[in-house]
N, C-alpha and C. Protein backbone atom coordinates (compact mmCIF):
# COMPACT_ATOMS: atom_id res chain seq x y z
N UNK A 1 37.97 -27.87 39.54
CA UNK A 1 37.06 -27.33 39.79
C UNK A 1 35.93 -28.58 40.87
N UNK A 2 36.23 -27.61 42.23
CA UNK A 2 35.51 -28.78 43.08
C UNK A 2 34.35 -27.76 43.60
N UNK A 3 33.11 -28.26 43.57
CA UNK A 3 32.23 -27.54 44.48
C UNK A 3 30.91 -27.11 43.54
N UNK A 4 30.07 -26.13 44.07
CA UNK A 4 29.18 -25.62 42.86
C UNK A 4 29.65 -25.28 41.52
N UNK A 5 29.09 -25.54 40.51
CA UNK A 5 29.31 -25.61 38.86
C UNK A 5 30.26 -26.41 38.49
N UNK A 6 30.83 -27.76 39.37
CA UNK A 6 31.61 -28.54 38.78
C UNK A 6 31.04 -29.75 37.70
N UNK A 7 31.92 -29.80 36.86
CA UNK A 7 31.24 -30.54 35.80
C UNK A 7 30.61 -31.92 36.16
N UNK A 8 30.82 -32.51 36.99
CA UNK A 8 30.49 -33.43 37.61
C UNK A 8 28.79 -33.24 38.31
N UNK A 9 28.56 -32.23 38.23
CA UNK A 9 27.02 -31.95 38.72
C UNK A 9 25.89 -32.22 37.47
N UNK A 10 26.68 -32.09 36.34
CA UNK A 10 25.57 -32.09 35.03
C UNK A 10 25.96 -33.64 34.16
N UNK A 11 26.58 -34.46 35.12
CA UNK A 11 26.97 -35.32 33.90
C UNK A 11 25.90 -36.57 33.68
N UNK A 12 25.44 -36.89 34.97
CA UNK A 12 24.24 -37.57 34.60
C UNK A 12 23.00 -37.29 34.03
N UNK A 13 22.43 -35.80 34.18
CA UNK A 13 21.45 -35.30 33.63
C UNK A 13 21.91 -35.26 31.87
N UNK A 14 23.15 -34.65 31.61
CA UNK A 14 23.43 -34.69 30.18
C UNK A 14 23.71 -36.20 29.37
N UNK A 15 24.10 -37.29 29.97
CA UNK A 15 23.87 -38.65 29.82
C UNK A 15 22.39 -39.15 29.36
N UNK A 16 21.61 -38.63 30.84
CA UNK A 16 19.97 -39.49 30.28
C UNK A 16 19.14 -38.32 28.95
N UNK A 17 20.07 -37.33 28.77
CA UNK A 17 19.34 -36.39 27.70
C UNK A 17 19.86 -36.75 26.46
N UNK A 18 20.82 -37.41 26.28
CA UNK A 18 21.78 -38.05 25.25
C UNK A 18 21.31 -39.34 24.86
N UNK A 19 20.93 -40.08 25.83
CA UNK A 19 19.84 -41.53 25.52
C UNK A 19 18.41 -40.92 24.92
N UNK A 20 17.67 -40.45 25.52
CA UNK A 20 16.80 -39.60 25.21
C UNK A 20 16.64 -39.03 23.79
N UNK A 21 17.65 -38.33 23.32
CA UNK A 21 17.82 -37.82 22.11
C UNK A 21 18.11 -38.80 21.10
N UNK A 22 18.87 -39.96 21.02
CA UNK A 22 19.28 -40.85 20.32
C UNK A 22 18.68 -41.86 20.36
N UNK A 23 17.88 -42.48 21.30
CA UNK A 23 17.24 -43.46 21.43
C UNK A 23 15.43 -43.33 21.21
N UNK A 24 15.00 -41.85 21.41
CA UNK A 24 13.64 -41.51 20.91
C UNK A 24 13.60 -40.71 19.98
N UNK A 25 13.93 -39.35 20.47
CA UNK A 25 13.72 -38.21 19.69
C UNK A 25 14.10 -38.21 18.28
N UNK A 26 15.34 -38.59 18.11
CA UNK A 26 15.86 -38.38 16.48
C UNK A 26 15.20 -39.55 15.85
N UNK A 27 14.62 -40.83 16.40
CA UNK A 27 14.21 -41.70 15.37
C UNK A 27 12.72 -41.76 14.96
N UNK A 28 12.19 -40.73 15.69
CA UNK A 28 10.38 -40.38 15.81
C UNK A 28 10.46 -39.43 14.96
N UNK A 29 9.27 -39.24 14.13
CA UNK A 29 8.62 -37.77 13.60
C UNK A 29 7.18 -37.89 14.22
N UNK A 30 7.21 -36.97 15.14
CA UNK A 30 6.07 -36.81 15.91
C UNK A 30 4.51 -36.01 15.33
N UNK A 31 3.68 -36.39 15.29
CA UNK A 31 2.51 -35.58 14.54
C UNK A 31 2.35 -34.43 15.56
N UNK A 32 2.75 -34.24 16.62
CA UNK A 32 2.13 -32.91 17.32
C UNK A 32 2.81 -33.04 18.75
N UNK A 33 3.09 -31.76 19.26
CA UNK A 33 3.68 -31.40 20.97
C UNK A 33 3.11 -32.44 21.62
N UNK A 34 1.64 -32.70 21.74
CA UNK A 34 1.16 -33.83 22.49
C UNK A 34 1.37 -35.28 22.02
N UNK A 35 1.80 -35.65 20.91
CA UNK A 35 2.32 -37.05 20.87
C UNK A 35 3.71 -37.03 21.23
N UNK A 36 4.48 -36.21 21.05
CA UNK A 36 5.81 -36.16 21.47
C UNK A 36 5.84 -36.20 23.20
N UNK A 37 5.28 -35.22 23.74
CA UNK A 37 5.23 -35.57 25.18
C UNK A 37 4.96 -37.03 25.63
N UNK A 38 3.57 -37.55 24.94
CA UNK A 38 3.33 -38.97 25.41
C UNK A 38 4.38 -39.89 25.11
N UNK A 39 5.18 -39.74 24.00
CA UNK A 39 5.91 -40.74 23.59
C UNK A 39 7.27 -40.58 24.54
N UNK A 40 7.62 -39.45 24.90
CA UNK A 40 8.77 -39.16 25.52
C UNK A 40 8.43 -39.47 27.10
N UNK A 41 7.42 -39.56 27.62
CA UNK A 41 6.83 -40.14 28.85
C UNK A 41 7.22 -41.52 28.81
N UNK A 42 6.31 -42.20 27.57
CA UNK A 42 6.79 -43.75 27.71
C UNK A 42 7.96 -43.85 27.61
N UNK A 43 8.85 -43.38 26.98
CA UNK A 43 10.12 -43.89 26.88
C UNK A 43 11.26 -43.67 28.31
N UNK A 44 10.59 -42.68 29.23
CA UNK A 44 11.35 -42.20 30.23
C UNK A 44 10.82 -43.38 31.05
N UNK A 45 9.40 -44.14 31.34
CA UNK A 45 9.04 -44.90 31.95
C UNK A 45 9.67 -46.23 31.70
N UNK A 46 9.86 -46.43 30.22
CA UNK A 46 10.57 -47.78 30.13
C UNK A 46 12.01 -47.55 30.49
N UNK A 47 12.55 -46.28 30.54
CA UNK A 47 13.94 -46.09 30.90
C UNK A 47 14.41 -46.63 32.24
N UNK A 48 13.58 -45.97 33.21
CA UNK A 48 13.72 -46.64 34.36
C UNK A 48 13.19 -47.47 34.99
N UNK A 49 11.91 -48.06 34.25
CA UNK A 49 11.47 -49.27 34.87
C UNK A 49 11.64 -50.57 34.75
N UNK A 50 11.89 -50.53 33.15
CA UNK A 50 12.49 -51.94 32.70
C UNK A 50 13.49 -52.13 31.62
N UNK A 51 14.43 -51.29 31.29
CA UNK A 51 15.99 -51.22 30.53
C UNK A 51 16.54 -51.47 31.63
N UNK A 52 17.66 -52.70 31.56
CA UNK A 52 18.44 -52.84 32.49
C UNK A 52 19.48 -51.96 32.13
N UNK A 53 20.37 -51.28 32.94
CA UNK A 53 21.50 -50.59 32.74
C UNK A 53 22.71 -51.55 33.21
N UNK A 54 23.85 -51.57 32.41
CA UNK A 54 25.29 -52.08 32.60
C UNK A 54 25.95 -51.17 33.84
N UNK A 55 25.64 -50.26 34.11
CA UNK A 55 26.58 -49.33 35.18
C UNK A 55 25.99 -49.73 36.92
N UNK A 56 24.60 -50.52 36.59
CA UNK A 56 24.34 -50.69 37.88
C UNK A 56 23.91 -52.20 37.71
N UNK A 57 24.76 -52.85 37.08
CA UNK A 57 24.79 -54.21 37.24
C UNK A 57 23.46 -55.23 37.09
N UNK A 58 23.21 -54.58 35.79
CA UNK A 58 21.94 -55.03 34.88
C UNK A 58 20.79 -55.03 35.72
N UNK A 59 20.41 -54.10 36.51
CA UNK A 59 19.31 -53.43 37.06
C UNK A 59 19.16 -52.31 36.90
N UNK A 60 17.49 -52.09 36.54
CA UNK A 60 16.75 -50.60 36.28
C UNK A 60 17.34 -49.52 37.52
N UNK A 61 17.00 -48.41 36.94
CA UNK A 61 17.31 -47.30 37.75
C UNK A 61 16.29 -47.44 38.76
N UNK A 62 15.19 -47.98 38.84
CA UNK A 62 14.12 -47.81 39.70
C UNK A 62 14.51 -49.00 40.79
N UNK A 63 14.90 -50.15 40.40
CA UNK A 63 15.34 -51.37 41.11
C UNK A 63 16.70 -50.70 41.90
N UNK A 64 17.46 -50.24 41.47
CA UNK A 64 18.79 -49.68 42.51
C UNK A 64 18.50 -48.35 43.08
N UNK A 65 17.51 -47.47 43.00
CA UNK A 65 17.00 -46.63 43.91
C UNK A 65 16.52 -47.04 45.10
N UNK A 66 15.20 -47.64 45.01
CA UNK A 66 14.02 -48.42 45.90
C UNK A 66 15.06 -49.64 46.43
N UNK A 67 15.99 -50.39 45.89
CA UNK A 67 16.76 -51.27 47.06
C UNK A 67 17.37 -50.21 47.81
N UNK A 68 17.95 -48.98 47.85
CA UNK A 68 18.84 -48.52 48.72
C UNK A 68 17.72 -47.53 49.94
N UNK A 69 16.69 -47.61 49.39
CA UNK A 69 15.93 -46.40 50.31
C UNK A 69 15.85 -46.89 52.01
N UNK A 70 15.61 -48.62 52.21
CA UNK A 70 15.63 -49.15 53.52
C UNK A 70 16.75 -48.62 54.31
N UNK A 71 17.89 -48.71 53.57
CA UNK A 71 19.28 -48.45 54.09
C UNK A 71 19.31 -46.79 54.43
N UNK A 72 18.72 -46.09 53.46
CA UNK A 72 18.78 -44.53 54.05
C UNK A 72 18.13 -44.55 55.31
N UNK A 73 16.49 -45.16 55.47
CA UNK A 73 15.83 -44.80 56.34
C UNK A 73 16.45 -44.98 57.70
N UNK A 74 16.82 -46.39 57.88
CA UNK A 74 17.89 -46.46 58.77
C UNK A 74 19.12 -45.74 59.38
N UNK A 75 19.78 -45.12 58.50
CA UNK A 75 20.69 -44.49 58.56
C UNK A 75 20.19 -43.05 59.47
N UNK A 76 19.34 -42.76 58.83
CA UNK A 76 18.93 -41.17 59.51
C UNK A 76 18.11 -41.21 60.80
């Protein structure tokens, strides 16, 4: 299967949500929806800005993404 609807389309999002569920949601008992939203937002900030990822050579997703921006701008 290649193209729209390919399994590769969702692999990264599914992996992210697995991390959110197992590292944040399942470990906490939220007091309210507002508390859950704030806690998940804090987790996503940590996940993107402070947590090193082995698949990114121990860089954070923000470091990996923003390091590529100058190369993308010069290519365009």
